[in-house]
Amino acid sequence: MVPPDRPDPMRATLIAILQQLNRYESLHEGREREQSLELADLERLLHRFWAVDQGATNVGHALGLLLRNGMVRAHSAPPSGGHGRALPRYRITAEGKQFLVDAVARAERIP
């Protein structure tokens, strides 16, 4: 169990993944392929995130939890350049956005 004064690494990683997916969706509005990310993209973006950097969590595991809970959806897209096999790409869902909004609002409250 994590001490109350220290953030939970898994929860923090879940939120960080949702933030990145939400960011990419907003940045690339109208361009479907660019609004989603592959696992390798998320791992690259979060490799210096404190919970991942310390080995307390794994991006793939956290992404799997988000998928199972309906906060992220996966779809296959042909690789850029059209060669090779299609890798799953991940995109935030409405449930994921709601969770993210609630988490940020809760974190900003003064106890």
N, C-alpha and C. Protein backbone atom coordinates (compact mmCIF):
# COMPACT_ATOMS: atom_id res chain seq x y z
N MET A 1 0.84 -1.19 0.00
CA MET A 1 0.00 0.00 0.00
C MET A 1 0.88 1.25 0.00
N VAL A 2 0.42 2.28 -0.70
CA VAL A 2 1.18 3.52 -0.82
C VAL A 2 0.81 4.45 0.33
N PRO A 3 1.80 5.06 0.98
CA PRO A 3 1.50 6.02 2.05
C PRO A 3 0.59 7.14 1.53
N PRO A 4 -0.28 7.69 2.38
CA PRO A 4 -1.24 8.70 1.92
C PRO A 4 -0.59 9.99 1.38
N ASP A 5 0.62 10.31 1.81
CA ASP A 5 1.26 11.53 1.34
C ASP A 5 2.01 11.33 0.03
N ARG A 6 2.02 10.10 -0.48
CA ARG A 6 2.74 9.78 -1.71
C ARG A 6 1.74 9.30 -2.77
N PRO A 7 1.82 9.80 -4.00
CA PRO A 7 0.87 9.38 -5.03
C PRO A 7 1.04 7.91 -5.41
N ASP A 8 -0.08 7.28 -5.76
CA ASP A 8 -0.06 5.90 -6.21
C ASP A 8 0.53 5.85 -7.61
N PRO A 9 1.62 5.08 -7.82
CA PRO A 9 2.28 5.06 -9.13
C PRO A 9 1.38 4.56 -10.26
N MET A 10 0.55 3.55 -10.00
CA MET A 10 -0.31 3.03 -11.06
C MET A 10 -1.37 4.06 -11.44
N ARG A 11 -2.01 4.66 -10.47
CA ARG A 11 -3.02 5.68 -10.76
C ARG A 11 -2.39 6.85 -11.52
N ALA A 12 -1.21 7.26 -11.10
CA ALA A 12 -0.51 8.36 -11.76
C ALA A 12 -0.18 8.00 -13.21
N THR A 13 0.19 6.74 -13.45
CA THR A 13 0.50 6.29 -14.81
C THR A 13 -0.75 6.24 -15.67
N LEU A 14 -1.85 5.75 -15.10
CA LEU A 14 -3.13 5.73 -15.83
C LEU A 14 -3.50 7.14 -16.28
N ILE A 15 -3.37 8.09 -15.38
CA ILE A 15 -3.71 9.48 -15.68
C ILE A 15 -2.75 10.04 -16.74
N ALA A 16 -1.47 9.73 -16.62
CA ALA A 16 -0.48 10.23 -17.59
C ALA A 16 -0.77 9.69 -18.99
N ILE A 17 -1.16 8.42 -19.09
CA ILE A 17 -1.50 7.85 -20.40
C ILE A 17 -2.73 8.55 -20.97
N LEU A 18 -3.75 8.73 -20.16
CA LEU A 18 -4.96 9.41 -20.61
C LEU A 18 -4.66 10.84 -21.04
N GLN A 19 -3.78 11.52 -20.31
CA GLN A 19 -3.41 12.89 -20.69
C GLN A 19 -2.74 12.92 -22.06
N GLN A 20 -1.84 11.97 -22.31
CA GLN A 20 -1.16 11.93 -23.61
C GLN A 20 -2.15 11.63 -24.74
N LEU A 21 -3.03 10.67 -24.53
CA LEU A 21 -4.01 10.33 -25.56
C LEU A 21 -4.96 11.49 -25.81
N ASN A 22 -5.37 12.16 -24.76
CA ASN A 22 -6.25 13.32 -24.90
C ASN A 22 -5.52 14.45 -25.64
N ARG A 23 -4.27 14.64 -25.31
CA ARG A 23 -3.45 15.68 -25.96
C ARG A 23 -3.33 15.41 -27.47
N TYR A 24 -3.03 14.18 -27.83
CA TYR A 24 -2.88 13.85 -29.24
C TYR A 24 -4.20 13.97 -30.00
N GLU A 25 -5.29 13.61 -29.35
CA GLU A 25 -6.59 13.76 -29.99
C GLU A 25 -6.89 15.23 -30.27
N SER A 26 -6.59 16.10 -29.31
CA SER A 26 -6.83 17.53 -29.47
C SER A 26 -5.89 18.16 -30.50
N LEU A 27 -4.62 17.81 -30.44
CA LEU A 27 -3.63 18.38 -31.35
C LEU A 27 -3.90 18.04 -32.81
N HIS A 28 -4.44 16.86 -33.05
CA HIS A 28 -4.60 16.36 -34.42
C HIS A 28 -6.06 16.22 -34.81
N GLU A 29 -6.88 17.13 -34.33
CA GLU A 29 -8.30 17.09 -34.64
C GLU A 29 -8.52 17.06 -36.15
N GLY A 30 -9.37 16.13 -36.59
CA GLY A 30 -9.66 16.02 -38.01
C GLY A 30 -8.75 15.06 -38.76
N ARG A 31 -7.68 14.60 -38.11
CA ARG A 31 -6.76 13.65 -38.75
C ARG A 31 -6.76 12.37 -37.92
N GLU A 32 -7.66 11.46 -38.29
CA GLU A 32 -7.95 10.25 -37.51
C GLU A 32 -6.70 9.48 -37.07
N ARG A 33 -5.79 9.19 -37.98
CA ARG A 33 -4.62 8.37 -37.64
C ARG A 33 -3.75 9.03 -36.58
N GLU A 34 -3.56 10.33 -36.69
CA GLU A 34 -2.69 11.03 -35.75
C GLU A 34 -3.34 11.25 -34.38
N GLN A 35 -4.63 10.97 -34.26
CA GLN A 35 -5.32 11.15 -32.99
C GLN A 35 -5.16 9.95 -32.06
N SER A 36 -4.44 8.94 -32.51
CA SER A 36 -4.22 7.76 -31.69
C SER A 36 -2.72 7.46 -31.64
N LEU A 37 -2.34 6.63 -30.68
CA LEU A 37 -0.92 6.31 -30.49
C LEU A 37 -0.74 4.81 -30.35
N GLU A 38 0.41 4.32 -30.79
CA GLU A 38 0.79 2.93 -30.57
C GLU A 38 1.42 2.81 -29.19
N LEU A 39 1.49 1.58 -28.69
CA LEU A 39 2.12 1.34 -27.39
C LEU A 39 3.54 1.89 -27.37
N ALA A 40 4.30 1.68 -28.43
CA ALA A 40 5.69 2.16 -28.49
C ALA A 40 5.74 3.68 -28.36
N ASP A 41 4.77 4.38 -28.95
CA ASP A 41 4.70 5.84 -28.83
C ASP A 41 4.49 6.25 -27.37
N LEU A 42 3.54 5.58 -26.71
CA LEU A 42 3.26 5.89 -25.31
C LEU A 42 4.47 5.59 -24.42
N GLU A 43 5.13 4.48 -24.68
CA GLU A 43 6.32 4.14 -23.90
C GLU A 43 7.41 5.20 -24.09
N ARG A 44 7.57 5.68 -25.31
CA ARG A 44 8.57 6.71 -25.59
C ARG A 44 8.20 8.02 -24.88
N LEU A 45 6.93 8.40 -24.94
CA LEU A 45 6.49 9.64 -24.32
C LEU A 45 6.60 9.61 -22.80
N LEU A 46 6.42 8.42 -22.22
CA LEU A 46 6.39 8.31 -20.76
C LEU A 46 7.65 7.68 -20.16
N HIS A 47 8.69 7.51 -20.95
CA HIS A 47 9.88 6.82 -20.43
C HIS A 47 10.54 7.58 -19.28
N ARG A 48 10.34 8.87 -19.19
CA ARG A 48 10.93 9.64 -18.09
C ARG A 48 9.91 10.01 -17.03
N PHE A 49 8.68 9.51 -17.17
CA PHE A 49 7.66 9.74 -16.15
C PHE A 49 8.11 9.03 -14.88
N TRP A 50 7.99 9.68 -13.74
CA TRP A 50 8.60 9.19 -12.50
C TRP A 50 8.23 7.74 -12.16
N ALA A 51 6.98 7.36 -12.30
CA ALA A 51 6.56 6.00 -11.91
C ALA A 51 7.15 4.95 -12.86
N VAL A 52 7.26 5.27 -14.13
CA VAL A 52 7.83 4.36 -15.11
C VAL A 52 9.35 4.34 -14.96
N ASP A 53 9.94 5.50 -14.80
CA ASP A 53 11.39 5.63 -14.65
C ASP A 53 11.91 4.87 -13.43
N GLN A 54 11.12 4.87 -12.35
CA GLN A 54 11.52 4.18 -11.12
C GLN A 54 11.19 2.68 -11.17
N GLY A 55 10.53 2.24 -12.24
CA GLY A 55 10.17 0.84 -12.36
C GLY A 55 8.97 0.44 -11.53
N ALA A 56 8.22 1.41 -11.02
CA ALA A 56 7.06 1.11 -10.19
C ALA A 56 5.86 0.67 -11.01
N THR A 57 5.80 1.04 -12.30
CA THR A 57 4.71 0.64 -13.18
C THR A 57 5.24 0.34 -14.56
N ASN A 58 4.37 -0.22 -15.36
CA ASN A 58 4.70 -0.58 -16.74
C ASN A 58 3.61 0.02 -17.63
N VAL A 59 3.99 0.73 -18.67
CA VAL A 59 3.02 1.40 -19.54
C VAL A 59 2.07 0.39 -20.18
N GLY A 60 2.59 -0.74 -20.63
CA GLY A 60 1.74 -1.76 -21.26
C GLY A 60 0.69 -2.30 -20.32
N HIS A 61 1.07 -2.55 -19.07
CA HIS A 61 0.12 -3.04 -18.06
C HIS A 61 -0.95 -1.99 -17.79
N ALA A 62 -0.54 -0.76 -17.60
CA ALA A 62 -1.50 0.32 -17.33
C ALA A 62 -2.45 0.50 -18.51
N LEU A 63 -1.93 0.43 -19.72
CA LEU A 63 -2.76 0.55 -20.92
C LEU A 63 -3.78 -0.58 -20.98
N GLY A 64 -3.38 -1.77 -20.61
CA GLY A 64 -4.31 -2.91 -20.56
C GLY A 64 -5.44 -2.68 -19.58
N LEU A 65 -5.13 -2.10 -18.42
CA LEU A 65 -6.18 -1.78 -17.44
C LEU A 65 -7.16 -0.74 -18.00
N LEU A 66 -6.62 0.26 -18.68
CA LEU A 66 -7.48 1.28 -19.28
C LEU A 66 -8.38 0.67 -20.35
N LEU A 67 -7.85 -0.25 -21.15
CA LEU A 67 -8.65 -0.93 -22.17
C LEU A 67 -9.77 -1.74 -21.53
N ARG A 68 -9.44 -2.52 -20.51
CA ARG A 68 -10.44 -3.36 -19.85
C ARG A 68 -11.54 -2.55 -19.19
N ASN A 69 -11.23 -1.35 -18.77
CA ASN A 69 -12.21 -0.51 -18.10
C ASN A 69 -12.91 0.46 -19.05
N GLY A 70 -12.65 0.33 -20.34
CA GLY A 70 -13.36 1.13 -21.34
C GLY A 70 -12.92 2.58 -21.43
N MET A 71 -11.77 2.92 -20.88
CA MET A 71 -11.30 4.30 -20.93
C MET A 71 -10.45 4.58 -22.16
N VAL A 72 -10.02 3.51 -22.82
CA VAL A 72 -9.22 3.58 -24.04
C VAL A 72 -9.77 2.50 -24.97
N ARG A 73 -9.75 2.78 -26.26
CA ARG A 73 -10.12 1.74 -27.22
C ARG A 73 -8.96 1.54 -28.18
N ALA A 74 -8.89 0.31 -28.70
CA ALA A 74 -7.83 -0.05 -29.64
C ALA A 74 -8.43 -0.25 -31.01
N HIS A 75 -7.67 0.11 -32.02
CA HIS A 75 -8.06 -0.17 -33.39
C HIS A 75 -6.79 -0.42 -34.19
N SER A 76 -6.93 -1.18 -35.25
CA SER A 76 -5.78 -1.46 -36.11
C SER A 76 -5.74 -0.45 -37.24
N ALA A 77 -4.56 0.02 -37.50
CA ALA A 77 -4.35 0.95 -38.60
C ALA A 77 -3.14 0.48 -39.36
N PRO A 78 -3.17 0.55 -40.68
CA PRO A 78 -1.98 0.14 -41.42
C PRO A 78 -0.79 1.01 -41.03
N PRO A 79 0.39 0.42 -40.95
CA PRO A 79 1.57 1.20 -40.57
C PRO A 79 1.83 2.31 -41.58
N SER A 80 2.40 3.39 -41.10
CA SER A 80 2.73 4.48 -42.01
C SER A 80 3.72 3.96 -43.05
N GLY A 81 3.50 4.29 -44.29
CA GLY A 81 4.32 3.78 -45.37
C GLY A 81 3.71 2.55 -46.02
N GLY A 82 2.69 1.95 -45.35
CA GLY A 82 1.97 0.83 -45.93
C GLY A 82 2.68 -0.51 -45.89
N HIS A 83 3.83 -0.62 -45.25
CA HIS A 83 4.57 -1.88 -45.20
C HIS A 83 4.54 -2.45 -43.79
N GLY A 84 4.61 -3.76 -43.70
CA GLY A 84 4.62 -4.41 -42.39
C GLY A 84 3.21 -4.72 -41.92
N ARG A 85 3.13 -5.21 -40.69
CA ARG A 85 1.82 -5.58 -40.15
C ARG A 85 1.19 -4.40 -39.41
N ALA A 86 -0.12 -4.46 -39.32
CA ALA A 86 -0.85 -3.40 -38.62
C ALA A 86 -0.68 -3.58 -37.12
N LEU A 87 -0.31 -2.52 -36.45
CA LEU A 87 -0.17 -2.53 -35.00
C LEU A 87 -1.37 -1.82 -34.39
N PRO A 88 -1.80 -2.25 -33.21
CA PRO A 88 -2.93 -1.55 -32.59
C PRO A 88 -2.55 -0.12 -32.23
N ARG A 89 -3.51 0.75 -32.40
CA ARG A 89 -3.37 2.14 -32.00
C ARG A 89 -4.44 2.40 -30.96
N TYR A 90 -4.14 3.29 -30.03
CA TYR A 90 -5.01 3.50 -28.89
C TYR A 90 -5.52 4.93 -28.86
N ARG A 91 -6.79 5.06 -28.47
CA ARG A 91 -7.43 6.36 -28.43
C ARG A 91 -8.29 6.45 -27.18
N ILE A 92 -8.34 7.61 -26.57
CA ILE A 92 -9.13 7.84 -25.37
C ILE A 92 -10.62 7.81 -25.72
N THR A 93 -11.44 7.29 -24.81
CA THR A 93 -12.88 7.24 -25.00
C THR A 93 -13.53 8.34 -24.16
N ALA A 94 -14.84 8.49 -24.29
CA ALA A 94 -15.57 9.47 -23.48
C ALA A 94 -15.44 9.14 -22.00
N GLU A 95 -15.46 7.85 -21.65
CA GLU A 95 -15.29 7.43 -20.25
C GLU A 95 -13.90 7.81 -19.74
N GLY A 96 -12.90 7.65 -20.60
CA GLY A 96 -11.54 8.02 -20.22
C GLY A 96 -11.41 9.52 -20.00
N LYS A 97 -12.06 10.29 -20.85
CA LYS A 97 -12.03 11.75 -20.69
C LYS A 97 -12.70 12.16 -19.39
N GLN A 98 -13.83 11.51 -19.06
CA GLN A 98 -14.52 11.84 -17.81
C GLN A 98 -13.67 11.50 -16.60
N PHE A 99 -13.02 10.34 -16.63
CA PHE A 99 -12.13 9.94 -15.55
C PHE A 99 -10.99 10.96 -15.40
N LEU A 100 -10.44 11.38 -16.52
CA LEU A 100 -9.34 12.36 -16.51
C LEU A 100 -9.80 13.69 -15.93
N VAL A 101 -10.94 14.17 -16.35
CA VAL A 101 -11.48 15.43 -15.83
C VAL A 101 -11.69 15.33 -14.32
N ASP A 102 -12.31 14.22 -13.88
CA ASP A 102 -12.55 14.03 -12.44
C ASP A 102 -11.24 13.95 -11.66
N ALA A 103 -10.25 13.25 -12.19
CA ALA A 103 -8.96 13.09 -11.50
C ALA A 103 -8.24 14.42 -11.37
N VAL A 104 -8.27 15.22 -12.44
CA VAL A 104 -7.61 16.53 -12.40
C VAL A 104 -8.34 17.46 -11.44
N ALA A 105 -9.67 17.44 -11.47
CA ALA A 105 -10.45 18.29 -10.57
C ALA A 105 -10.20 17.91 -9.10
N ARG A 106 -10.12 16.63 -8.83
CA ARG A 106 -9.87 16.15 -7.46
C ARG A 106 -8.48 16.56 -7.01
N ALA A 107 -7.49 16.50 -7.90
CA ALA A 107 -6.11 16.85 -7.55
C ALA A 107 -5.95 18.34 -7.30
N GLU A 108 -6.78 19.15 -7.93
CA GLU A 108 -6.66 20.59 -7.78
C GLU A 108 -7.40 21.14 -6.55
N ARG A 109 -8.23 20.31 -5.91
CA ARG A 109 -8.95 20.75 -4.73
C ARG A 109 -8.01 20.94 -3.56
N ILE A 110 -8.29 21.93 -2.78
CA ILE A 110 -7.51 22.17 -1.56
C ILE A 110 -8.17 21.39 -0.43
N PRO A 111 -7.41 20.51 0.24
CA PRO A 111 -8.00 19.69 1.32
C PRO A 111 -8.45 20.51 2.51
